[in-house]
Amino acid sequence: MYGGSGEQSWTGDIVLTEGGIFVGGGGEAYGTPQELLLKYGNRHGLIAGATGTGKTVTLQILAENLSAAGVPVFLSDVKSDLAGLAVAGSDKAKLHDAFMKRCATIGYDLQYQAFPVTFWDLFGESGHPIRATVTEMGPLLLSRLMDLSDAQEGVLNIAFRLADEEGLPLLDLKDLQAMLVWIGENAAEIGLRYGNISPASVGAIQRQLLVLENQGGTRLFGEPALELADMMRTTADGRGQINILAADKLMASPRLYATFLLWLLSELFEELPEVGDPDKPKFVFFFDEAHLLFDDAPKALVDKVEQVARLIRSKGVGIYFITQNPDDVPEDILGQLGNRIQHALRVFTAKDQKALARAAQNYRPNPRFETETAIKEVGTGEAVTSFLEAKGIPGVVERTLVRPPSSQLGPITTEERRAVIAASNLGIKYDKAVDRDSAFERLQSRAEEAAKAAARAEEEEERLKEEERRTREARRYDDRSSGRSSSRRRSSRSDSLATAFGKSLVRQLGTKSGQALVRGILGSLFKSR
């Protein structure tokens, strides 16, 4: 049985040759070992093929082999099938006899075993919650996620720039929503510096944020944010951790799924140091349903993926795209995928025929068979493979019978999943969300302070008005008081004159002339009667 002549990387039952992992048997009668050399594991790869041709099993055995070699991996479980990596296979399983027959054909000694698995879930239901902050996601990926126009993306860039300048951390969606409200309220002033900000653009972004909330984005954005070191762990016996993202529900929001995985790739690219050409990868990332990443993607985003794929290998990270047709991956990126496993392609139309021809052209020919014909004819669990050889040269294409998995094929029970999650020490760190002081709270505090300041200003204005009213009333009172004194003074003068006249009259009555005057006056009065 095939066991390899070299030293094993791990003392368990997975067989690893020195510097390579056994994928299956190829050549005449499938007796020639087909290996993916660990040294070139970071040169990226492609797993392609129609539905039902065995891509998931191939992904499973690659994850097993890499874990056994001490390489942590990340993969998304779209159909809940890959959760079986956490449980050992069984000789009582329905396919056990078929597996044994295949192992006899390819010369492989199959030993059933489980692997170290950590379950993750954006919704926090089928694994540990996995979060990112809005700032970490950045305006480019958020614009892609929300399908924003160029003008709307410009407003979003302004929001990020101002948040940085104003010391307003953008951690979750309510932070971004509050930031956009603040920008809308101060659009005139901000527009003088950064350009026009239309209420329509701000409103459109807010509506898209609401849609994102309804898709579960509220759970994606926040803290504690994922630390890459928690995915790049090895066990005490040297096996690499297998990180499985529960993506069955997430696939209902394909744009969210693709954007999240691209963010994770970008974080790996930004944070990991350069390591040159390591003896084995530091981390391997499997991107299932890869077509979702490129469907209707703007050129800026495709360019970013190409840049990451081109440069991240020097950081020891391998990226493997899983999709139905190689045409799903842009040509510039496809050219960087050195390790290839092509399952059967179904040909129903002229377009399918052209896609098949293009797929066959990507392989180094084998004189024993026509590659195009082989891609059409390979059965389930069989593939056309080409792995990089010495000096990174593509190997000759081979028809390969892929080895059976050591772990359970298919999903696990809810109880088994819960047991794996409970046994992980990462729950203490990630299961409970944290809502610390950030843009929402700080802008709310500013608004409250502004409201209090406005209230104080209004009170002061009312106080000044009251003082002014009282002053005016006091002046009117003083004026009325001054008028009454003058009247009294005038009355006093009149009284003095009357008194003087009376006294003068009395004096004159004492004289004869005065008495004659009085008699004349009285006589006139009686006559008039």
Protein backbone atom coordinates (compact mmCIF):
# COMPACT_ATOMS: atom_id res chain seq x y z
CA MET A 1 0.00 0.00 0.00
CA TYR A 2 1.18 3.52 -0.73
CA GLY A 3 2.82 5.04 2.30
CA GLY A 4 5.60 7.12 0.81
CA SER A 5 9.28 6.63 1.43
CA GLY A 6 9.93 9.95 3.14
CA GLU A 7 9.58 11.17 6.67
CA GLN A 8 6.06 11.91 7.89
CA SER A 9 5.04 15.39 9.10
CA TRP A 10 2.69 14.07 11.74
CA THR A 11 2.64 10.86 13.75
CA GLY A 12 -1.04 10.17 13.08
CA ASP A 13 -2.48 7.89 10.43
CA ILE A 14 -2.57 10.34 7.51
CA VAL A 15 0.32 9.40 5.23
CA LEU A 16 2.51 12.29 4.17
CA THR A 17 5.59 11.85 2.05
CA GLU A 18 8.50 14.12 2.72
CA GLY A 19 7.49 17.49 1.33
CA GLY A 20 4.21 16.39 -0.25
CA ILE A 21 0.63 15.28 0.40
CA PHE A 22 -1.00 12.36 -1.32
CA VAL A 23 -4.07 13.37 -3.34
CA GLY A 24 -4.74 10.17 -5.28
CA GLY A 25 -3.47 7.69 -7.81
CA GLY A 26 -2.84 8.47 -11.46
CA GLY A 27 -1.07 7.03 -14.47
CA GLU A 28 -1.58 3.49 -15.73
CA ALA A 29 -4.14 1.65 -13.58
CA TYR A 30 -4.06 4.62 -11.19
CA GLY A 31 -0.93 3.29 -9.54
CA THR A 32 1.25 6.42 -9.71
CA PRO A 33 1.00 8.70 -6.63
CA GLN A 34 -0.19 12.22 -7.37
CA GLU A 35 1.10 14.70 -4.82
CA LEU A 36 0.71 18.35 -4.06
CA LEU A 37 4.15 19.50 -2.96
CA LEU A 38 3.94 21.49 0.28
CA LYS A 39 6.75 23.73 -0.93
CA TYR A 40 4.43 24.97 -3.68
CA GLY A 41 1.23 24.90 -1.65
CA ASN A 42 1.27 28.69 -1.50
CA ARG A 43 1.30 28.93 -5.31
CA HIS A 44 -2.50 28.81 -5.21
CA GLY A 45 -4.83 26.40 -6.94
CA LEU A 46 -8.15 25.63 -8.60
CA ILE A 47 -10.76 22.97 -7.92
CA ALA A 48 -13.36 23.00 -10.70
CA GLY A 49 -16.12 20.77 -11.99
CA ALA A 50 -19.84 20.42 -12.47
CA THR A 51 -22.22 19.81 -9.58
CA GLY A 52 -22.00 16.28 -8.20
CA THR A 53 -18.57 15.42 -9.61
CA GLY A 54 -16.72 15.29 -6.27
CA LYS A 55 -15.36 18.81 -5.65
CA THR A 56 -16.45 18.75 -1.98
CA VAL A 57 -14.65 15.47 -1.28
CA THR A 58 -11.50 16.80 -2.97
CA LEU A 59 -11.69 19.91 -0.81
CA GLN A 60 -12.14 17.70 2.26
CA ILE A 61 -9.10 15.53 1.60
CA LEU A 62 -6.92 18.58 0.86
CA ALA A 63 -7.97 20.11 4.19
CA GLU A 64 -7.18 16.83 5.96
CA ASN A 65 -3.73 16.55 4.39
CA LEU A 66 -2.82 20.16 5.05
CA SER A 67 -3.96 19.90 8.67
CA ALA A 68 -1.88 16.74 9.11
CA ALA A 69 1.11 18.64 7.71
CA GLY A 70 0.66 21.34 10.37
CA VAL A 71 -0.93 23.91 8.05
CA PRO A 72 -4.04 25.78 9.35
CA VAL A 73 -6.77 26.16 6.75
CA PHE A 74 -9.97 28.12 6.24
CA LEU A 75 -12.94 26.91 4.22
CA SER A 76 -16.61 27.74 3.90
CA ASP A 77 -19.21 25.01 4.28
CA VAL A 78 -21.90 25.90 1.77
CA LYS A 79 -23.93 22.68 2.07
CA SER A 80 -23.00 21.64 5.66
CA ASP A 81 -21.09 18.67 4.19
CA LEU A 82 -17.62 19.70 5.37
CA ALA A 83 -18.57 19.65 9.05
CA GLY A 84 -17.78 15.93 8.86
CA LEU A 85 -14.08 16.86 9.19
CA ALA A 86 -14.68 17.08 12.96
CA VAL A 87 -15.75 13.42 13.20
CA ALA A 88 -13.90 10.27 12.21
CA GLY A 89 -15.23 8.17 9.35
CA SER A 90 -16.68 4.76 10.12
CA ASP A 91 -16.40 1.26 8.73
CA LYS A 92 -20.18 1.09 9.14
CA ALA A 93 -20.76 3.95 6.69
CA LYS A 94 -22.59 3.19 3.46
CA LEU A 95 -19.56 3.95 1.27
CA HIS A 96 -17.00 2.06 3.37
CA ASP A 97 -16.73 -0.88 0.97
CA ALA A 98 -16.40 1.44 -2.04
CA PHE A 99 -13.69 3.39 -0.20
CA MET A 100 -11.74 0.21 0.56
CA LYS A 101 -11.95 -0.83 -3.07
CA ARG A 102 -10.64 2.53 -4.21
CA CYS A 103 -7.82 2.43 -1.68
CA ALA A 104 -6.80 -0.97 -2.99
CA THR A 105 -6.72 0.46 -6.52
CA ILE A 106 -4.55 3.47 -5.69
CA GLY A 107 -2.45 1.77 -3.02
CA TYR A 108 -3.56 3.79 -0.01
CA ASP A 109 -3.95 2.62 3.59
CA LEU A 110 -7.08 4.44 4.82
CA GLN A 111 -7.36 5.05 8.55
CA TYR A 112 -10.46 6.84 9.82
CA GLN A 113 -9.88 9.82 12.11
CA ALA A 114 -11.24 13.21 13.15
CA PHE A 115 -9.44 16.53 12.74
CA PRO A 116 -9.14 19.67 14.89
CA VAL A 117 -12.05 21.84 13.74
CA THR A 118 -13.28 25.27 14.83
CA PHE A 119 -16.74 26.29 13.66
CA TRP A 120 -17.45 29.93 12.79
CA ASP A 121 -20.70 31.62 11.82
CA LEU A 122 -21.43 35.25 10.89
CA PHE A 123 -24.84 34.85 12.53
CA GLY A 124 -23.43 33.23 15.68
CA GLU A 125 -25.77 30.22 15.42
CA SER A 126 -23.71 27.30 14.07
CA GLY A 127 -20.32 28.44 15.34
CA HIS A 128 -18.45 31.19 17.11
CA PRO A 129 -19.49 34.67 15.93
CA ILE A 130 -17.05 36.18 13.47
CA ARG A 131 -16.99 39.96 13.26
CA ALA A 132 -15.17 42.82 11.56
CA THR A 133 -15.31 46.53 12.28
CA VAL A 134 -16.64 48.96 9.67
CA THR A 135 -13.21 50.63 9.56
CA GLU A 136 -11.48 47.32 8.84
CA MET A 137 -13.92 46.56 6.03
CA GLY A 138 -13.16 49.93 4.40
CA PRO A 139 -15.11 52.02 1.85
CA LEU A 140 -14.15 49.95 -1.22
CA LEU A 141 -15.52 46.65 0.07
CA LEU A 142 -18.53 48.32 1.69
CA SER A 143 -19.37 50.05 -1.58
CA ARG A 144 -19.19 46.67 -3.34
CA LEU A 145 -21.31 45.10 -0.62
CA MET A 146 -24.01 47.75 -0.95
CA ASP A 147 -23.70 48.15 -4.74
CA LEU A 148 -23.17 51.91 -4.48
CA SER A 149 -22.75 54.30 -7.40
CA ASP A 150 -19.54 56.30 -7.87
CA ALA A 151 -21.11 59.40 -6.27
CA GLN A 152 -22.34 57.40 -3.30
CA GLU A 153 -18.96 55.73 -2.91
CA GLY A 154 -17.42 59.21 -2.85
CA VAL A 155 -19.68 60.23 0.05
CA LEU A 156 -18.74 57.03 1.87
CA ASN A 157 -15.06 57.86 1.44
CA ILE A 158 -15.70 61.30 2.92
CA ALA A 159 -17.43 59.66 5.88
CA PHE A 160 -14.39 57.46 6.56
CA ARG A 161 -11.99 60.40 6.17
CA LEU A 162 -13.95 62.64 8.55
CA ALA A 163 -14.38 59.85 11.08
CA ASP A 164 -10.60 59.50 11.18
CA GLU A 165 -10.00 63.24 11.48
CA GLU A 166 -12.68 63.75 14.13
CA GLY A 167 -11.61 60.78 16.26
CA LEU A 168 -14.87 58.88 15.67
CA PRO A 169 -14.26 55.11 15.52
CA LEU A 170 -16.51 53.30 13.03
CA LEU A 171 -17.06 49.90 14.61
CA ASP A 172 -20.61 48.83 13.80
CA LEU A 173 -23.43 49.84 11.46
CA LYS A 174 -25.01 52.33 13.84
CA ASP A 175 -21.68 54.17 13.96
CA LEU A 176 -21.72 54.55 10.18
CA GLN A 177 -25.39 55.52 10.17
CA ALA A 178 -24.77 58.22 12.81
CA MET A 179 -21.75 59.48 10.84
CA LEU A 180 -23.86 59.86 7.70
CA VAL A 181 -26.53 61.78 9.63
CA TRP A 182 -23.85 64.15 10.93
CA ILE A 183 -22.45 64.62 7.41
CA GLY A 184 -25.93 65.35 6.07
CA GLU A 185 -26.56 67.97 8.75
CA ASN A 186 -23.23 69.66 8.03
CA ALA A 187 -23.16 69.10 4.27
CA ALA A 188 -22.73 72.76 3.35
CA GLU A 189 -19.65 73.25 5.51
CA ILE A 190 -18.12 69.85 4.64
CA GLY A 191 -18.84 70.38 0.94
CA LEU A 192 -16.58 73.45 0.85
CA ARG A 193 -13.66 71.19 1.71
CA TYR A 194 -14.46 67.81 0.17
CA GLY A 195 -16.94 68.58 -2.59
CA ASN A 196 -20.68 68.47 -2.97
CA ILE A 197 -22.60 66.11 -0.70
CA SER A 198 -26.14 65.66 -1.90
CA PRO A 199 -28.93 64.60 0.47
CA ALA A 200 -29.98 62.06 -2.17
CA SER A 201 -26.61 60.25 -1.96
CA VAL A 202 -26.66 60.20 1.83
CA GLY A 203 -30.23 58.89 1.77
CA ALA A 204 -29.35 56.17 -0.75
CA ILE A 205 -26.48 54.91 1.41
CA GLN A 206 -28.73 54.87 4.49
CA ARG A 207 -31.30 52.79 2.60
CA GLN A 208 -28.62 50.31 1.53
CA LEU A 209 -27.42 50.07 5.12
CA LEU A 210 -30.97 49.16 6.10
CA VAL A 211 -30.97 46.38 3.49
CA LEU A 212 -27.63 45.18 4.85
CA GLU A 213 -29.08 45.11 8.35
CA ASN A 214 -31.97 42.97 7.15
CA GLN A 215 -29.46 40.53 5.61
CA GLY A 216 -27.69 40.08 8.94
CA GLY A 217 -24.98 42.72 8.53
CA THR A 218 -25.59 43.96 12.06
CA ARG A 219 -24.00 40.76 13.36
CA LEU A 220 -21.04 40.94 11.00
CA PHE A 221 -19.95 44.42 12.07
CA GLY A 222 -18.84 45.00 15.63
CA GLU A 223 -16.48 43.82 18.33
CA PRO A 224 -14.66 41.77 19.40
CA ALA A 225 -13.31 41.68 15.86
CA LEU A 226 -11.62 38.55 14.56
CA GLU A 227 -7.91 38.20 15.24
CA LEU A 228 -6.17 36.24 12.51
CA ALA A 229 -3.93 34.52 15.04
CA ASP A 230 -7.00 32.68 16.33
CA MET A 231 -7.40 31.04 12.92
CA MET A 232 -3.74 30.25 12.41
CA ARG A 233 -3.27 27.88 15.32
CA THR A 234 -1.83 24.39 15.57
CA THR A 235 -2.66 21.71 18.12
CA ALA A 236 -0.29 20.24 20.69
CA ASP A 237 0.42 17.31 18.36
CA GLY A 238 1.33 19.66 15.50
CA ARG A 239 -1.83 19.50 13.37
CA GLY A 240 -3.17 22.65 11.78
CA GLN A 241 -6.55 23.98 12.83
CA ILE A 242 -9.35 23.62 10.26
CA ASN A 243 -11.59 26.70 10.37
CA ILE A 244 -15.05 26.01 8.93
CA LEU A 245 -17.40 28.91 8.19
CA ALA A 246 -21.05 27.88 8.27
CA ALA A 247 -22.25 29.35 4.99
CA ASP A 248 -25.55 27.57 4.36
CA LYS A 249 -27.61 30.58 5.54
CA LEU A 250 -25.01 33.09 4.41
CA MET A 251 -25.41 31.96 0.81
CA ALA A 252 -28.87 33.57 0.83
CA SER A 253 -26.90 36.85 0.73
CA PRO A 254 -24.23 36.05 -1.88
CA ARG A 255 -22.80 39.57 -1.99
CA LEU A 256 -22.32 39.53 1.78
CA TYR A 257 -20.65 36.11 1.53
CA ALA A 258 -18.22 37.15 -1.19
CA THR A 259 -17.38 40.49 0.42
CA PHE A 260 -16.67 38.89 3.78
CA LEU A 261 -14.29 36.33 2.30
CA LEU A 262 -12.52 39.02 0.31
CA TRP A 263 -12.16 41.08 3.48
CA LEU A 264 -10.58 38.10 5.22
CA LEU A 265 -8.13 37.68 2.35
CA SER A 266 -7.30 41.38 2.48
CA GLU A 267 -6.66 41.18 6.23
CA LEU A 268 -4.27 38.28 5.69
CA PHE A 269 -2.49 40.30 3.03
CA GLU A 270 -2.25 43.42 5.21
CA GLU A 271 -1.24 41.85 8.50
CA LEU A 272 1.04 38.90 7.76
CA PRO A 273 4.78 39.47 7.37
CA GLU A 274 6.83 38.49 4.34
CA VAL A 275 8.30 34.98 4.64
CA GLY A 276 9.65 34.40 1.14
CA ASP A 277 9.39 30.77 0.00
CA PRO A 278 8.63 28.63 3.09
CA ASP A 279 8.90 24.84 3.15
CA LYS A 280 5.14 24.70 3.60
CA PRO A 281 2.34 27.28 3.62
CA LYS A 282 1.60 29.25 6.77
CA PHE A 283 -2.10 29.25 5.94
CA VAL A 284 -4.33 27.97 3.12
CA PHE A 285 -7.58 29.67 2.17
CA PHE A 286 -10.28 27.85 0.18
CA PHE A 287 -12.73 30.17 -1.58
CA ASP A 288 -15.83 28.11 -2.43
CA GLU A 289 -18.41 29.38 -4.95
CA ALA A 290 -15.67 31.67 -6.31
CA HIS A 291 -17.85 32.97 -9.14
CA LEU A 292 -19.75 35.05 -6.55
CA LEU A 293 -16.60 37.09 -6.02
CA PHE A 294 -16.35 38.12 -9.66
CA ASP A 295 -19.97 38.36 -10.81
CA ASP A 296 -20.60 41.99 -11.80
CA ALA A 297 -17.56 43.06 -9.80
CA PRO A 298 -16.13 46.50 -10.65
CA LYS A 299 -12.65 46.61 -12.14
CA ALA A 300 -11.19 48.15 -8.98
CA LEU A 301 -12.30 45.12 -6.99
CA VAL A 302 -11.00 42.58 -9.53
CA ASP A 303 -7.68 44.45 -9.57
CA LYS A 304 -7.54 44.18 -5.78
CA VAL A 305 -8.14 40.41 -5.89
CA GLU A 306 -5.42 40.06 -8.52
CA GLN A 307 -3.01 42.08 -6.40
CA VAL A 308 -3.74 39.96 -3.33
CA ALA A 309 -3.35 36.71 -5.27
CA ARG A 310 -0.10 37.87 -6.83
CA LEU A 311 1.57 39.08 -3.65
CA ILE A 312 0.12 37.06 -0.78
CA ARG A 313 2.04 33.93 -1.65
CA SER A 314 5.23 35.65 -0.41
CA LYS A 315 3.52 35.75 2.98
CA GLY A 316 3.07 32.01 2.95
CA VAL A 317 -0.65 32.01 2.14
CA GLY A 318 -2.15 29.78 -0.53
CA ILE A 319 -5.54 30.57 -2.13
CA TYR A 320 -7.62 27.83 -3.75
CA PHE A 321 -10.69 28.80 -5.75
CA ILE A 322 -13.55 26.28 -5.98
CA THR A 323 -16.05 26.81 -8.77
CA GLN A 324 -17.92 24.95 -11.49
CA ASN A 325 -16.10 26.33 -14.51
CA PRO A 326 -12.58 27.77 -14.82
CA ASP A 327 -14.12 30.59 -16.87
CA ASP A 328 -15.66 31.87 -13.63
CA VAL A 329 -12.21 33.15 -12.65
CA PRO A 330 -10.69 36.11 -14.57
CA GLU A 331 -7.82 35.18 -16.88
CA ASP A 332 -5.19 37.24 -15.03
CA ILE A 333 -6.00 35.45 -11.77
CA LEU A 334 -6.43 32.03 -13.37
CA GLY A 335 -2.87 32.28 -14.68
CA GLN A 336 -1.56 32.37 -11.10
CA LEU A 337 -3.22 29.12 -10.01
CA GLY A 338 -0.45 26.56 -10.31
CA ASN A 339 -2.08 23.50 -8.68
CA ARG A 340 -5.20 22.32 -10.51
CA ILE A 341 -7.82 19.66 -9.94
CA GLN A 342 -10.40 19.57 -12.70
CA HIS A 343 -13.44 17.35 -12.21
CA ALA A 344 -15.82 16.61 -15.04
CA LEU A 345 -17.38 19.38 -17.10
CA ARG A 346 -20.75 18.76 -18.69
CA VAL A 347 -21.16 19.87 -22.29
CA PHE A 348 -24.69 20.73 -23.42
CA THR A 349 -24.27 23.83 -25.57
CA ALA A 350 -21.77 25.42 -27.95
CA LYS A 351 -20.79 27.76 -25.12
CA ASP A 352 -20.05 24.75 -22.90
CA GLN A 353 -17.92 23.25 -25.66
CA LYS A 354 -15.84 26.41 -25.92
CA ALA A 355 -15.42 26.52 -22.13
CA LEU A 356 -14.25 22.90 -22.16
CA ALA A 357 -11.70 23.63 -24.88
CA ARG A 358 -10.33 26.61 -22.95
CA ALA A 359 -10.10 24.53 -19.77
CA ALA A 360 -8.12 21.82 -21.56
CA GLN A 361 -5.66 24.38 -22.95
CA ASN A 362 -4.59 25.28 -19.41
CA TYR A 363 -2.83 21.94 -18.86
CA ARG A 364 0.52 20.54 -19.91
CA PRO A 365 -0.41 17.79 -22.42
CA ASN A 366 -0.08 14.09 -21.66
CA PRO A 367 0.72 11.90 -24.71
CA ARG A 368 -1.42 9.05 -23.32
CA PHE A 369 -4.76 10.85 -23.71
CA GLU A 370 -6.53 13.96 -24.95
CA THR A 371 -7.08 16.36 -22.05
CA GLU A 372 -10.34 17.69 -23.45
CA THR A 373 -11.74 14.18 -23.76
CA ALA A 374 -10.56 13.24 -20.27
CA ILE A 375 -12.30 16.23 -18.71
CA LYS A 376 -15.58 15.07 -20.24
CA GLU A 377 -15.15 11.43 -19.29
CA VAL A 378 -13.81 11.38 -15.72
CA GLY A 379 -16.34 9.96 -13.25
CA THR A 380 -17.36 11.01 -9.76
CA GLY A 381 -14.34 11.04 -7.46
CA GLU A 382 -11.99 11.15 -10.41
CA ALA A 383 -10.30 14.27 -11.77
CA VAL A 384 -7.78 15.62 -14.24
CA THR A 385 -4.92 16.96 -12.12
CA SER A 386 -1.74 18.95 -12.55
CA PHE A 387 0.51 19.92 -9.63
CA LEU A 388 3.62 22.05 -9.65
CA GLU A 389 6.84 20.08 -9.75
CA ALA A 390 10.46 21.00 -9.04
CA LYS A 391 11.26 24.67 -9.70
CA GLY A 392 7.54 25.41 -9.92
CA ILE A 393 7.06 23.80 -13.36
CA PRO A 394 3.48 22.60 -14.05
CA GLY A 395 3.28 18.82 -14.02
CA VAL A 396 1.97 16.77 -16.91
CA VAL A 397 -1.80 16.37 -16.70
CA GLU A 398 -3.01 13.06 -15.25
CA ARG A 399 -6.29 11.29 -14.79
CA THR A 400 -6.38 10.82 -11.03
CA LEU A 401 -8.57 8.75 -8.74
CA VAL A 402 -8.92 10.93 -5.62
CA ARG A 403 -8.37 9.14 -2.30
CA PRO A 404 -11.32 8.73 0.12
CA PRO A 405 -11.54 11.02 3.16
CA SER A 406 -10.42 9.86 6.60
CA SER A 407 -13.08 11.96 8.31
CA GLN A 408 -16.82 11.50 8.02
CA LEU A 409 -18.28 12.11 4.60
CA GLY A 410 -21.31 14.39 4.96
CA PRO A 411 -22.86 16.49 7.72
CA ILE A 412 -22.78 15.86 11.45
CA THR A 413 -25.58 16.04 14.01
CA THR A 414 -26.53 19.19 15.89
CA GLU A 415 -25.34 17.60 19.13
CA GLU A 416 -21.93 16.78 17.63
CA ARG A 417 -21.56 20.34 16.39
CA ARG A 418 -22.49 21.78 19.79
CA ALA A 419 -19.95 19.53 21.46
CA VAL A 420 -17.16 20.78 19.18
CA ILE A 421 -18.18 24.42 19.79
CA ALA A 422 -18.37 23.92 23.56
CA ALA A 423 -14.91 22.33 23.62
CA SER A 424 -13.34 25.37 21.98
CA ASN A 425 -11.77 28.02 24.21
CA LEU A 426 -12.56 30.74 21.66
CA GLY A 427 -16.15 31.07 22.89
CA ILE A 428 -14.99 33.04 25.91
CA LYS A 429 -13.46 35.62 23.60
CA TYR A 430 -15.99 35.89 20.77
CA ASP A 431 -19.43 34.66 21.83
CA LYS A 432 -20.47 37.86 23.64
CA ALA A 433 -20.58 41.11 21.64
CA VAL A 434 -18.98 44.28 23.04
CA ASP A 435 -20.36 47.76 22.34
CA ARG A 436 -17.73 50.26 23.40
CA ASP A 437 -17.59 54.03 23.01
CA SER A 438 -17.44 54.84 19.30
CA ALA A 439 -18.82 57.23 16.66
CA PHE A 440 -22.49 56.69 17.59
CA GLU A 441 -21.96 57.39 21.27
CA ARG A 442 -19.60 60.32 20.67
CA LEU A 443 -21.85 62.00 18.12
CA GLN A 444 -24.80 61.43 20.44
CA SER A 445 -22.83 63.03 23.26
CA ARG A 446 -21.98 65.99 21.02
CA ALA A 447 -25.64 66.37 20.10
CA GLU A 448 -26.66 66.29 23.76
CA GLU A 449 -24.04 68.90 24.64
CA ALA A 450 -25.19 71.06 21.73
CA ALA A 451 -28.81 70.73 22.91
CA LYS A 452 -27.82 71.69 26.47
CA ALA A 453 -25.82 74.65 25.17
CA ALA A 454 -28.79 75.77 23.07
CA ALA A 455 -31.08 75.46 26.10
CA ARG A 456 -28.66 77.52 28.20
CA ALA A 457 -28.46 80.16 25.47
CA GLU A 458 -32.26 80.31 25.28
CA GLU A 459 -32.52 80.68 29.06
CA GLU A 460 -29.93 83.47 29.02
CA GLU A 461 -31.81 85.22 26.23
CA GLU A 462 -35.06 85.01 28.22
CA ARG A 463 -33.28 86.35 31.30
CA LEU A 464 -31.91 89.32 29.38
CA LYS A 465 -35.35 90.03 27.92
CA GLU A 466 -36.87 89.97 31.41
CA GLU A 467 -34.23 92.35 32.73
CA GLU A 468 -34.85 94.70 29.82
CA ARG A 469 -38.62 94.58 30.47
CA ARG A 470 -38.13 95.37 34.12
CA THR A 471 -35.81 98.25 33.29
CA ARG A 472 -38.37 99.77 30.94
CA GLU A 473 -41.12 99.46 33.55
CA ALA A 474 -38.91 101.08 36.17
CA ARG A 475 -38.28 104.03 33.87
CA ARG A 476 -42.00 104.52 33.22
CA TYR A 477 -42.70 104.44 36.96
CA ASP A 478 -40.07 107.07 37.61
CA ASP A 479 -41.56 109.31 34.90
CA ARG A 480 -45.08 109.10 36.47
CA SER A 481 -43.72 109.88 39.90
CA SER A 482 -41.97 112.99 38.59
CA GLY A 483 -45.22 114.27 36.99
CA ARG A 484 -47.21 114.08 40.30
CA SER A 485 -44.59 116.12 42.15
CA SER A 486 -44.80 118.93 39.60
CA SER A 487 -48.58 119.10 40.05
CA ARG A 488 -48.20 119.35 43.74
CA ARG A 489 -45.67 122.09 43.29
CA ARG A 490 -48.04 123.95 40.92
CA SER A 491 -50.91 123.55 43.41
CA SER A 492 -48.77 124.88 46.19
CA ARG A 493 -47.94 127.95 44.16
CA SER A 494 -51.62 128.53 43.34
CA ASP A 495 -52.54 128.21 47.00
CA SER A 496 -49.91 130.77 47.94
CA LEU A 497 -51.29 133.28 45.41
CA ALA A 498 -54.89 132.84 46.66
CA THR A 499 -53.77 133.29 50.23
CA ALA A 500 -51.88 136.46 49.34
CA PHE A 501 -54.89 137.82 47.42
CA GLY A 502 -57.19 137.05 50.36
CA LYS A 503 -54.94 138.81 52.78
CA SER A 504 -54.72 141.82 50.46
CA LEU A 505 -58.51 141.88 50.21
CA VAL A 506 -58.92 141.81 53.96
CA ARG A 507 -56.52 144.65 54.34
CA GLN A 508 -58.41 146.72 51.79
CA LEU A 509 -61.76 146.04 53.50
CA GLY A 510 -60.41 147.91 56.48
CA THR A 511 -60.27 151.03 54.33
CA LYS A 512 -63.13 153.21 53.08
CA SER A 513 -62.33 152.63 49.46
CA GLY A 514 -62.40 148.87 50.03
CA GLN A 515 -65.75 148.98 51.73
CA ALA A 516 -67.21 151.12 48.89
CA LEU A 517 -65.93 148.55 46.41
CA VAL A 518 -67.67 145.72 48.24
CA ARG A 519 -70.97 147.61 48.42
CA GLY A 520 -70.80 148.28 44.68
CA ILE A 521 -70.26 144.62 43.92
CA LEU A 522 -73.11 143.49 46.12
CA GLY A 523 -75.46 146.08 44.61
CA SER A 524 -74.69 144.87 41.13
CA LEU A 525 -75.48 141.31 42.18
CA PHE A 526 -78.93 142.18 43.58
CA LYS A 527 -79.80 144.18 40.53
CA SER A 528 -78.97 141.31 38.30
CA ARG A 529 -81.40 139.15 40.20
